[in-house]
Amino acid sequence: MTTLLRYEEFRDLHRAGAPLLLPNAWDHASAAALVAAGFRAVGTTSLGVAAAAGLPDGTGATRAETVRLARGLARLDALISVDIEGGFTDNPEEVAVLVAELAATGIVGINIEDGRPDGSLRDLTHQCEILYAVREAAAGRLFVNARTDTYWLPGAGKAPETGERLAAYRRAGADGVFVPGLRDLRAIAELTSALEGTPLNTLHAPEGPSLPELAEAGVHRVSCGSLLFRAALGAAVAAARDLSVSGEIPSYAETQALSDAFA
């Protein structure tokens, strides 16, 4: 299947009725396991990628690791969307180079955020300049998911600024928009109405709204973020503490098979 057809398939999954549940992987094995479990689309988690490499998240430190992972995951029979933090630089031209490099791997989407390492939001005009550059570099081959951290960062502005930023990101060419931390169903419904069909992505929270509730509010995509990575770490520690642990643990052969296809 060509990259264009894969992009179109991924785009259409955002309009298939029920929200697209996007699990987020942090390495080849976790992505391959999710694909083997039946997930057609898989994202990456910047926290998982950074922590697995011993690097800080959200500081632009994992460009090389992210590109390397994208190249490997693109070989899977799946639709892969890659989290690129804020683009790993504030320079729109450099972000565009990264996006073109990722598009060439065969992935179908990227997620780019406006939160900064110091806890502030990137200047709106500057973020739109980056998104314009991203859109041009994507050239219709990548689904651009523009994330705003208005509900994620302390005191970032929340509801009033959220609507302004999402509208600006749509004008800058984003295919979809993402508001992690947003859980109020009324606020979600108001945003989806204002978006006039542009897919809204929210972040799953165990204590937050259910998938049916989010669907009713108009959400098109629900990401798992770093949840699976953190759950895997917790499960590993629990298994180490209790070596009698049992359950659905893949065998050695099943785990080896996740990489054998690309040996």
Foldseek 3Di string as FASTA:
>chain_A
DDLLVLLVVVLVLLVPQFAQEEEADQALLRLLVVVVVPRQEYEHFQCSVQVVVVHDGLALPCLVSQLVRLLVSLPDNHAYEYECEQQSDLDLVSSLVSLLSSLVSSHAEYEHEQAHPVLEGHPLVSSLSSLLSNQVSCVSSHQYEYEYACQPGPPHPPDVVVLVSVVSSVVSPHQAYEYENDADLVSLLVSLVSVVPRAYEYEDDPPGDDSVSSSVSPHRYYYPHCVVVVVVVVVVVVCVVPVVDDDPDDDPVRSVVSCPVPD
